C-alpha atoms as a PDB file:
ATOM      1  CA  MET A   1     -13.085  -5.333   8.342  1.00  0.00           C
ATOM      2  CA  ALA A   2     -11.041  -4.867  11.510  1.00  0.00           C
ATOM      3  CA  ALA A   3     -10.232  -7.420  14.147  1.00  0.00           C
ATOM      4  CA  ASP A   4     -11.961  -5.562  16.982  1.00  0.00           C
ATOM      5  CA  ALA A   5     -10.526  -3.187  18.346  1.00  0.00           C
ATOM      6  CA  VAL A   6       5.246 -13.366   4.765  1.00  0.00           C
ATOM      7  CA  SER A   7       7.977 -11.047   3.588  1.00  0.00           C
ATOM      8  CA  PRO A   8      11.671 -10.580   4.490  1.00  0.00           C
ATOM      9  CA  ALA A   9      12.708  -9.738   8.037  1.00  0.00           C
ATOM     10  CA  HIS A  10      12.415  -6.322   9.635  1.00  0.00           C
ATOM     11  CA  VAL A  11      14.399  -3.411   8.257  1.00  0.00           C
ATOM     12  CA  ALA A  12      15.718  -0.319   9.980  1.00  0.00           C
ATOM     13  CA  ALA A  13      16.356   2.145   7.186  1.00  0.00           C
ATOM     14  CA  PRO A  14      13.230   3.940   5.952  1.00  0.00           C
ATOM     15  CA  ALA A  15      12.461   4.563   2.311  1.00  0.00           C
ATOM     16  CA  THR A  16       9.491   6.853   1.807  1.00  0.00           C
ATOM     17  CA  THR A  17       7.632   7.193  -1.477  1.00  0.00           C
ATOM     18  CA  ALA A  18       4.250   8.156  -2.759  1.00  0.00           C
ATOM     19  CA  LEU A  19       2.333   5.098  -3.869  1.00  0.00           C
ATOM     20  CA  THR A  20       3.167   5.712  -7.482  1.00  0.00           C
ATOM     21  CA  ALA A  21       5.878   4.782  -9.930  1.00  0.00           C
ATOM     22  CA  ALA A  22       7.119   5.643 -13.359  1.00  0.00           C
ATOM     23  CA  PRO A  23       5.006   4.242 -16.173  1.00  0.00           C
ATOM     24  CA  ALA A  24       5.998   0.668 -16.803  1.00  0.00           C
ATOM     25  CA  ALA A  25       8.112  -0.113 -19.781  1.00  0.00           C
ATOM     26  CA  ALA A  26       6.365  -2.562 -22.051  1.00  0.00           C
ATOM     27  CA  PRO A  27       6.856  -4.146 -25.459  1.00  0.00           C
ATOM     28  CA  THR A  28       6.182  -1.589 -28.156  1.00  0.00           C
ATOM     29  CA  ALA A  29       4.188  -3.945 -30.329  1.00  0.00           C
ATOM     30  CA  PRO A  30       0.810  -2.423 -31.256  1.00  0.00           C
ATOM     31  CA  VAL A  31      -2.215  -3.466 -29.238  1.00  0.00           C
ATOM     32  CA  ALA A  32      -5.072  -4.324 -31.584  1.00  0.00           C
ATOM     33  CA  SER A  33      -8.292  -2.459 -30.976  1.00  0.00           C
ATOM     34  CA  GLY A  34     -11.133  -4.505 -29.545  1.00  0.00           C
ATOM     35  CA  THR A  35     -14.588  -5.211 -30.901  1.00  0.00           C
ATOM     36  CA  LEU A  36     -16.483  -6.311 -27.779  1.00  0.00           C
ATOM     37  CA  ALA A  37     -18.969  -4.151 -25.913  1.00  0.00           C
ATOM     38  CA  ALA A  38     -17.321  -1.156 -24.313  1.00  0.00           C
ATOM     39  CA  SER A  39     -16.421  -1.318 -20.611  1.00  0.00           C
ATOM     40  CA  ALA A  40     -14.761   2.122 -20.590  1.00  0.00           C
ATOM     41  CA  THR A  41     -15.133   5.316 -22.534  1.00  0.00           C
ATOM     42  CA  GLY A  42     -12.660   6.287 -25.222  1.00  0.00           C
ATOM     43  CA  PRO A  43     -11.228   4.568 -28.295  1.00  0.00           C
ATOM     44  CA  ALA A  44     -11.898   0.866 -28.826  1.00  0.00           C
ATOM     45  CA  VAL A  45      -8.328  -0.083 -27.912  1.00  0.00           C
ATOM     46  CA  VAL A  46      -8.719   1.693 -24.565  1.00  0.00           C
ATOM     47  CA  GLN A  47     -11.974  -0.162 -23.962  1.00  0.00           C
ATOM     48  CA  ALA A  48     -10.206  -3.426 -24.802  1.00  0.00           C
ATOM     49  CA  LEU A  49      -7.479  -2.716 -22.250  1.00  0.00           C
ATOM     50  CA  ALA A  50     -10.134  -1.937 -19.648  1.00  0.00           C
ATOM     51  CA  ARG A  51     -11.709  -5.341 -20.256  1.00  0.00           C
ATOM     52  CA  GLU A  52      -8.275  -6.900 -19.795  1.00  0.00           C
ATOM     53  CA  GLY A  53      -8.025  -5.344 -16.336  1.00  0.00           C
ATOM     54  CA  VAL A  54      -6.317  -2.000 -16.886  1.00  0.00           C
ATOM     55  CA  THR A  55      -8.087   0.456 -14.585  1.00  0.00           C
ATOM     56  CA  ALA A  56      -8.304   4.200 -13.924  1.00  0.00           C
ATOM     57  CA  LEU A  57      -7.800   4.991 -17.608  1.00  0.00           C
ATOM     58  CA  GLN A  58      -7.700   8.752 -18.080  1.00  0.00           C
ATOM     59  CA  PRO A  59      -6.745  10.772 -21.173  1.00  0.00           C
ATOM     60  CA  PHE A  60      -3.883  13.243 -21.349  1.00  0.00           C
ATOM     61  CA  ASP A  61      -2.521  15.537 -24.047  1.00  0.00           C
ATOM     62  CA  THR A  62       0.657  14.207 -25.669  1.00  0.00           C
ATOM     63  CA  GLY A  63       1.284  17.427 -27.555  1.00  0.00           C
ATOM     64  CA  VAL A  64       1.493  15.438 -30.785  1.00  0.00           C
ATOM     65  CA  LYS A  65      -1.203  15.706 -33.430  1.00  0.00           C
ATOM     66  CA  ASP A  66      -3.278  12.536 -33.825  1.00  0.00           C
ATOM     67  CA  LEU A  67      -1.514  10.794 -30.905  1.00  0.00           C
ATOM     68  CA  ALA A  68      -3.819  10.387 -27.916  1.00  0.00           C
ATOM     69  CA  GLY A  69      -2.424   9.489 -24.517  1.00  0.00           C
ATOM     70  CA  TYR A  70      -4.052   7.586 -21.649  1.00  0.00           C
ATOM     71  CA  ALA A  71      -2.776   6.905 -18.157  1.00  0.00           C
ATOM     72  CA  GLY A  72      -3.903   3.728 -16.431  1.00  0.00           C
ATOM     73  CA  LEU A  73      -3.129   1.103 -13.836  1.00  0.00           C
ATOM     74  CA  ALA A  74      -2.121  -2.480 -14.565  1.00  0.00           C
ATOM     75  CA  GLY A  75      -2.523  -3.928 -11.090  1.00  0.00           C
ATOM     76  CA  GLN A  76      -0.686  -1.270  -9.098  1.00  0.00           C
ATOM     77  CA  GLN A  77       1.742  -0.382 -11.875  1.00  0.00           C
ATOM     78  CA  PRO A  78       1.185   2.876 -13.761  1.00  0.00           C
ATOM     79  CA  VAL A  79       1.103   2.466 -17.536  1.00  0.00           C
ATOM     80  CA  ALA A  80       0.966   4.883 -20.442  1.00  0.00           C
ATOM     81  CA  VAL A  81      -1.149   3.998 -23.474  1.00  0.00           C
ATOM     82  CA  TYR A  82      -0.742   5.779 -26.795  1.00  0.00           C
ATOM     83  CA  VAL A  83      -3.521   5.529 -29.379  1.00  0.00           C
ATOM     84  CA  LEU A  84      -2.332   5.779 -32.989  1.00  0.00           C
ATOM     85  CA  PRO A  85      -4.263   7.383 -35.867  1.00  0.00           C
ATOM     86  CA  ASP A  86      -5.231   3.923 -37.170  1.00  0.00           C
ATOM     87  CA  GLY A  87      -6.977   3.101 -33.876  1.00  0.00           C
ATOM     88  CA  ASN A  88      -4.360   0.683 -32.599  1.00  0.00           C
ATOM     89  CA  GLY A  89      -2.338   1.445 -29.497  1.00  0.00           C
ATOM     90  CA  ILE A  90       1.083   1.118 -27.922  1.00  0.00           C
ATOM     91  CA  VAL A  91       1.648   0.477 -24.222  1.00  0.00           C
ATOM     92  CA  GLY A  92       5.017   1.665 -23.019  1.00  0.00           C
ATOM     93  CA  THR A  93       7.293   4.607 -22.333  1.00  0.00           C
ATOM     94  CA  ARG A  94       7.655   7.482 -24.784  1.00  0.00           C
ATOM     95  CA  ILE A  95      11.245   8.731 -25.064  1.00  0.00           C
ATOM     96  CA  GLY A  96      12.226  12.305 -25.959  1.00  0.00           C
ATOM     97  CA  ALA A  97      15.018  13.446 -28.267  1.00  0.00           C
ATOM     98  CA  ASP A  98      17.285  13.767 -25.224  1.00  0.00           C
ATOM     99  CA  GLY A  99      16.788  10.095 -24.400  1.00  0.00           C
ATOM    100  CA  LYS A 100      14.708  10.783 -21.304  1.00  0.00           C
ATOM    101  CA  PRO A 101      11.232   9.344 -20.670  1.00  0.00           C
ATOM    102  CA  LEU A 102       8.289  11.602 -21.423  1.00  0.00           C
ATOM    103  CA  ASP A 103       4.898  11.792 -19.690  1.00  0.00           C
ATOM    104  CA  VAL A 104       6.083  10.188 -16.434  1.00  0.00           C
ATOM    105  CA  GLU A 105       4.979  13.103 -14.263  1.00  0.00           C
ATOM    106  CA  ARG A 106       1.582  13.546 -15.873  1.00  0.00           C
ATOM    107  CA  VAL A 107       0.832   9.805 -15.806  1.00  0.00           C
ATOM    108  CA  THR A 108       1.879   9.660 -12.162  1.00  0.00           C
ATOM    109  CA  LYS A 109      -0.345  12.592 -11.215  1.00  0.00           C
ATOM    110  CA  LEU A 110      -3.342  11.130 -13.030  1.00  0.00           C
ATOM    111  CA  ILE A 111      -3.148   7.726 -11.344  1.00  0.00           C
ATOM    112  CA  GLU A 112      -1.870   8.883  -7.949  1.00  0.00           C
ATOM    113  CA  THR A 113      -5.316   9.308  -6.422  1.00  0.00           C
ATOM    114  CA  PRO A 114      -7.036   6.153  -7.756  1.00  0.00           C
ATOM    115  CA  LEU A 115      -3.996   4.035  -6.878  1.00  0.00           C
ATOM    116  CA  GLY A 116      -3.776   5.422  -3.371  1.00  0.00           C
ATOM    117  CA  GLU A 117      -7.488   5.008  -2.745  1.00  0.00           C
ATOM    118  CA  ALA A 118      -7.403   1.411  -3.987  1.00  0.00           C
ATOM    119  CA  ILE A 119      -4.566   0.612  -1.594  1.00  0.00           C
ATOM    120  CA  TRP A 120      -6.294   2.398   1.284  1.00  0.00           C
ATOM    121  CA  SER A 121      -9.414   0.356   0.617  1.00  0.00           C
ATOM    122  CA  LYS A 122      -7.465  -2.917   0.645  1.00  0.00           C
ATOM    123  CA  LEU A 123      -5.853  -2.017   3.945  1.00  0.00           C
ATOM    124  CA  GLY A 124      -9.246  -1.144   5.382  1.00  0.00           C
ATOM    125  CA  ALA A 125     -10.508  -4.603   4.444  1.00  0.00           C
ATOM    126  CA  SER A 126      -7.629  -6.356   6.224  1.00  0.00           C
ATOM    127  CA  GLN A 127      -7.933  -7.757   9.752  1.00  0.00           C
ATOM    128  CA  TRP A 128      -6.212  -4.786  11.371  1.00  0.00           C
ATOM    129  CA  VAL A 129      -5.986  -4.313  15.110  1.00  0.00           C
ATOM    130  CA  GLN A 130      -7.085  -0.943  16.448  1.00  0.00           C
ATOM    131  CA  ASP A 131      -4.618   1.081  18.502  1.00  0.00           C
ATOM    132  CA  GLY A 132      -6.082   4.408  19.544  1.00  0.00           C
ATOM    133  CA  LYS A 133      -9.453   6.107  19.731  1.00  0.00           C
ATOM    134  CA  LYS A 134     -12.107   5.019  17.266  1.00  0.00           C
ATOM    135  CA  ASP A 135     -12.854   8.606  16.259  1.00  0.00           C
ATOM    136  CA  ALA A 136      -9.228   9.744  15.894  1.00  0.00           C
ATOM    137  CA  PRO A 137      -9.012  12.178  12.955  1.00  0.00           C
ATOM    138  CA  ARG A 138      -5.887  10.588  11.487  1.00  0.00           C
ATOM    139  CA  ILE A 139      -5.437   6.923  10.556  1.00  0.00           C
ATOM    140  CA  VAL A 140      -2.093   5.235   9.929  1.00  0.00           C
ATOM    141  CA  TYR A 141      -1.698   1.607   8.856  1.00  0.00           C
ATOM    142  CA  THR A 142       1.395  -0.302   9.884  1.00  0.00           C
ATOM    143  CA  PHE A 143       2.467  -3.820   8.942  1.00  0.00           C
ATOM    144  CA  GLY A 144       4.133  -5.330  11.975  1.00  0.00           C
ATOM    145  CA  ASP A 145       5.519  -8.547  13.419  1.00  0.00           C
ATOM    146  CA  PRO A 146       5.080  -9.224  17.167  1.00  0.00           C
ATOM    147  CA  ASN A 147       8.847  -9.842  17.369  1.00  0.00           C
ATOM    148  CA  CYS A 148       9.912  -6.765  15.385  1.00  0.00           C
ATOM    149  CA  PRO A 149      12.016  -4.353  17.487  1.00  0.00           C
ATOM    150  CA  TYR A 150      11.560  -1.522  14.988  1.00  0.00           C
ATOM    151  CA  CYS A 151       7.782  -1.987  15.115  1.00  0.00           C
ATOM    152  CA  ASN A 152       8.002  -1.684  18.879  1.00  0.00           C
ATOM    153  CA  ARG A 153      10.066   1.485  18.553  1.00  0.00           C
ATOM    154  CA  PHE A 154       7.467   2.959  16.201  1.00  0.00           C
ATOM    155  CA  TRP A 155       4.697   1.972  18.606  1.00  0.00           C
ATOM    156  CA  GLU A 156       6.523   3.778  21.418  1.00  0.00           C
ATOM    157  CA  ALA A 157       7.304   6.833  19.282  1.00  0.00           C
ATOM    158  CA  ALA A 158       3.636   7.169  18.299  1.00  0.00           C
ATOM    159  CA  ARG A 159       2.305   7.157  21.880  1.00  0.00           C
ATOM    160  CA  PRO A 160       1.991  10.963  22.232  1.00  0.00           C
ATOM    161  CA  TRP A 161      -0.212  11.121  19.119  1.00  0.00           C
ATOM    162  CA  VAL A 162      -2.215   7.988  19.947  1.00  0.00           C
ATOM    163  CA  ASP A 163      -2.697   8.770  23.633  1.00  0.00           C
ATOM    164  CA  SER A 164      -3.884  12.308  22.852  1.00  0.00           C
ATOM    165  CA  GLY A 165      -6.558  10.947  20.501  1.00  0.00           C
ATOM    166  CA  LYS A 166      -5.037  12.500  17.383  1.00  0.00           C
ATOM    167  CA  VAL A 167      -4.017   9.257  15.665  1.00  0.00           C
ATOM    168  CA  GLN A 168      -5.371   5.748  15.385  1.00  0.00           C
ATOM    169  CA  LEU A 169      -2.789   3.167  14.377  1.00  0.00           C
ATOM    170  CA  ARG A 170      -4.142   0.133  12.577  1.00  0.00           C
ATOM    171  CA  HIS A 171      -1.766  -2.786  12.973  1.00  0.00           C
ATOM    172  CA  VAL A 172      -1.779  -5.290  10.108  1.00  0.00           C
ATOM    173  CA  LEU A 173      -0.008  -8.262  11.636  1.00  0.00           C
ATOM    174  CA  VAL A 174       2.390 -10.530   9.764  1.00  0.00           C
ATOM    175  CA  ALA A 175       4.679 -13.308  10.971  1.00  0.00           C
ATOM    176  CA  VAL A 176       8.095 -13.050   9.337  1.00  0.00           C
ATOM    177  CA  ILE A 177      10.860 -12.742  11.912  1.00  0.00           C
ATOM    178  CA  LYS A 178      10.970 -15.653  14.365  1.00  0.00           C
ATOM    179  CA  ALA A 179       9.494 -19.117  14.637  1.00  0.00           C
ATOM    180  CA  ASP A 180       7.040 -17.977  17.308  1.00  0.00           C
ATOM    181  CA  SER A 181       5.911 -14.885  15.386  1.00  0.00           C
ATOM    182  CA  VAL A 182       2.965 -16.909  14.077  1.00  0.00           C
ATOM    183  CA  THR A 183       1.810 -18.041  17.508  1.00  0.00           C
ATOM    184  CA  LYS A 184       2.305 -14.579  19.005  1.00  0.00           C
ATOM    185  CA  ALA A 185       0.309 -13.010  16.187  1.00  0.00           C
ATOM    186  CA  ALA A 186      -2.337 -15.679  16.745  1.00  0.00           C
ATOM    187  CA  ALA A 187      -2.464 -14.816  20.447  1.00  0.00           C
ATOM    188  CA  ILE A 188      -3.242 -11.213  19.532  1.00  0.00           C
ATOM    189  CA  LEU A 189      -5.712 -11.880  16.734  1.00  0.00           C
ATOM    190  CA  SER A 190      -7.544 -14.613  18.671  1.00  0.00           C
ATOM    191  CA  ALA A 191      -7.821 -12.642  21.905  1.00  0.00           C
ATOM    192  CA  SER A 192     -11.216 -11.463  23.126  1.00  0.00           C
ATOM    193  CA  ASN A 193      -9.730  -7.957  22.976  1.00  0.00           C
ATOM    194  CA  PRO A 194      -7.052  -7.853  20.246  1.00  0.00           C
ATOM    195  CA  SER A 195      -6.273  -4.195  20.983  1.00  0.00           C
ATOM    196  CA  ALA A 196      -5.442  -4.972  24.603  1.00  0.00           C
ATOM    197  CA  ALA A 197      -3.427  -8.027  23.567  1.00  0.00           C
ATOM    198  CA  LEU A 198      -1.385  -5.954  21.134  1.00  0.00           C
ATOM    199  CA  THR A 199      -0.743  -3.334  23.817  1.00  0.00           C
ATOM    200  CA  GLN A 200       0.403  -6.071  26.172  1.00  0.00           C
ATOM    201  CA  ASN A 201       2.853  -7.372  23.583  1.00  0.00           C
ATOM    202  CA  GLU A 202       4.323  -3.912  22.997  1.00  0.00           C
ATOM    203  CA  GLN A 203       4.522  -2.944  26.665  1.00  0.00           C
ATOM    204  CA  LYS A 204       6.249  -6.223  27.560  1.00  0.00           C
ATOM    205  CA  PHE A 205       8.297  -6.448  24.364  1.00  0.00           C
ATOM    206  CA  ARG A 206      11.676  -6.395  26.155  1.00  0.00           C
ATOM    207  CA  GLN A 207      10.502  -9.182  28.445  1.00  0.00           C
ATOM    208  CA  GLY A 208       9.484 -11.389  25.530  1.00  0.00           C
ATOM    209  CA  GLY A 209       6.094  -9.953  24.687  1.00  0.00           C
ATOM    210  CA  ILE A 210       2.783 -11.750  24.703  1.00  0.00           C
ATOM    211  CA  LYS A 211       2.574 -15.448  25.517  1.00  0.00           C
ATOM    212  CA  PRO A 212       2.311 -17.398  22.243  1.00  0.00           C
ATOM    213  CA  ALA A 213      -0.933 -19.182  21.466  1.00  0.00           C
ATOM    214  CA  ARG A 214      -0.899 -22.958  21.744  1.00  0.00           C
ATOM    215  CA  ASN A 215      -2.696 -23.372  18.455  1.00  0.00           C
ATOM    216  CA  VAL A 216      -3.160 -21.325  15.316  1.00  0.00           C
ATOM    217  CA  SER A 217      -6.623 -21.557  13.821  1.00  0.00           C
ATOM    218  CA  LYS A 218      -7.147 -21.918  10.097  1.00  0.00           C
ATOM    219  CA  THR A 219      -8.787 -18.495  10.041  1.00  0.00           C
ATOM    220  CA  VAL A 220      -5.805 -16.805  11.686  1.00  0.00           C
ATOM    221  CA  ALA A 221      -3.374 -18.641   9.411  1.00  0.00           C
ATOM    222  CA  GLN A 222      -5.312 -17.422   6.381  1.00  0.00           C
ATOM    223  CA  THR A 223      -5.382 -13.886   7.778  1.00  0.00           C
ATOM    224  CA  LEU A 224      -1.616 -13.840   8.248  1.00  0.00           C
ATOM    225  CA  GLN A 225      -1.098 -15.231   4.771  1.00  0.00           C
ATOM    226  CA  SER A 226      -3.351 -12.589   3.221  1.00  0.00           C
ATOM    227  CA  HIS A 227      -1.533  -9.859   5.160  1.00  0.00           C
ATOM    228  CA  GLN A 228       1.796 -11.189   3.938  1.00  0.00           C
ATOM    229  CA  MET A 229       0.574 -11.126   0.354  1.00  0.00           C
ATOM    230  CA  LEU A 230      -0.744  -7.577   0.736  1.00  0.00           C
ATOM    231  CA  MET A 231       2.520  -6.467   2.287  1.00  0.00           C
ATOM    232  CA  ALA A 232       4.462  -7.876  -0.654  1.00  0.00           C
ATOM    233  CA  GLU A 233       1.965  -6.380  -3.100  1.00  0.00           C
ATOM    234  CA  LEU A 234       2.652  -2.934  -1.664  1.00  0.00           C
ATOM    235  CA  GLY A 235       6.383  -3.453  -2.106  1.00  0.00           C
ATOM    236  CA  PHE A 236       7.392  -3.624   1.550  1.00  0.00           C
ATOM    237  CA  ARG A 237      10.568  -5.609   2.169  1.00  0.00           C
ATOM    238  CA  GLY A 238      10.280  -5.732   5.931  1.00  0.00           C
ATOM    239  CA  THR A 239       8.574  -4.341   9.012  1.00  0.00           C
ATOM    240  CA  PRO A 240       7.327  -1.886   9.938  1.00  0.00           C
ATOM    241  CA  GLY A 241       5.672  -1.032   6.657  1.00  0.00           C
ATOM    242  CA  ILE A 242       3.741   2.188   7.217  1.00  0.00           C
ATOM    243  CA  VAL A 243       0.995   3.637   5.010  1.00  0.00           C
ATOM    244  CA  TYR A 244      -0.439   7.084   5.686  1.00  0.00           C
ATOM    245  CA  ARG A 245      -1.930  10.177   4.073  1.00  0.00           C
ATOM    246  CA  ASN A 246       0.291  13.206   3.687  1.00  0.00           C
ATOM    247  CA  GLY A 247      -0.828  16.791   4.244  1.00  0.00           C
ATOM    248  CA  LYS A 248      -2.520  16.836   0.832  1.00  0.00           C
ATOM    249  CA  GLY A 249      -4.379  13.587   1.475  1.00  0.00           C
ATOM    250  CA  VAL A 250      -2.170  11.594  -0.888  1.00  0.00           C
ATOM    251  CA  VAL A 251      -1.443   8.041   0.245  1.00  0.00           C
ATOM    252  CA  GLU A 252       2.245   7.422   0.918  1.00  0.00           C
ATOM    253  CA  ARG A 253       4.344   4.656   2.447  1.00  0.00           C
ATOM    254  CA  THR A 254       7.581   4.291   4.341  1.00  0.00           C
ATOM    255  CA  ASN A 255       9.498   1.119   5.136  1.00  0.00           C
ATOM    256  CA  GLY A 256      11.393   0.841   8.404  1.00  0.00           C
ATOM    257  CA  MET A 257      11.500   2.879  11.598  1.00  0.00           C
ATOM    258  CA  PRO A 258      11.022   6.530  10.606  1.00  0.00           C
ATOM    259  CA  PRO A 259      13.577   9.043  11.912  1.00  0.00           C
ATOM    260  CA  PRO A 260      12.237  11.557  14.462  1.00  0.00           C
ATOM    261  CA  GLU A 261      11.984  14.324  11.875  1.00  0.00           C
ATOM    262  CA  ALA A 262       9.659  12.174   9.722  1.00  0.00           C
ATOM    263  CA  LEU A 263       7.115  11.449  12.445  1.00  0.00           C
ATOM    264  CA  THR A 264       5.194  14.684  11.921  1.00  0.00           C
ATOM    265  CA  ALA A 265       4.708  13.905   8.229  1.00  0.00           C
ATOM    266  CA  ILE A 266       3.299  10.497   9.149  1.00  0.00           C
ATOM    267  CA  LEU A 267       1.395  11.270  12.346  1.00  0.00           C
ATOM    268  CA  GLY A 268       0.590  14.960  11.941  1.00  0.00           C
ATOM    269  CA  ALA A 269       1.188  17.838  14.324  1.00  0.00           C
ATOM    270  CA  ARG A 270       1.913  16.710  17.850  1.00  0.00           C
END
């Protein structure tokens, strides 16, 4: 839930991708089919993988007789599962006669929505700080450090959208840049009004930002640690790390300060 409204240092160059990836390469040794009670529909080997933690398993047509294909998620990594005629399976990447991977696009499309929604849910459960109207129609999450100049630039660039009520930024604070990043983040998260404290830090950024907290509570320390872990889990190498929905509702991410021409894709029409 929100606070009412640690990865490498900040980066400047953005790298935008949908929250998907090519199916992971994996050893091509057969996966034995399971015998326990089913936890997913489909062949026994698919049910066994589901019990082992592979999620969002969905079938697809391989175009090969007696070779069934399934797309799934191992953590946040897309995987392709191929079920053989004998009931066993292979997890890995199928290669065509031209040496290029097959099924990447279809696996990506099948897992794109469940992966994005899982990430969106995790971000929603973080201790984000609200920046903008509660009922804003568009929500954008941003990992930020109180000492990050690129985060401050993004905050400033987003003001027309936020101030007009079109966008609500949800700041997921981390402490990765300077020694006092932790105490500054603590000052924001521990404030009676975290939203106002965050605004103060951004407005006075060039003068040093918010006054650091004297102490960091165990709760705040745990929050910052969990945010750092989530940031790394999503593949961000620095701040700001921005997660948003594109025009089709698909969850995407960009790392670094977006160029002006990318702001509309992230924040919507101005």
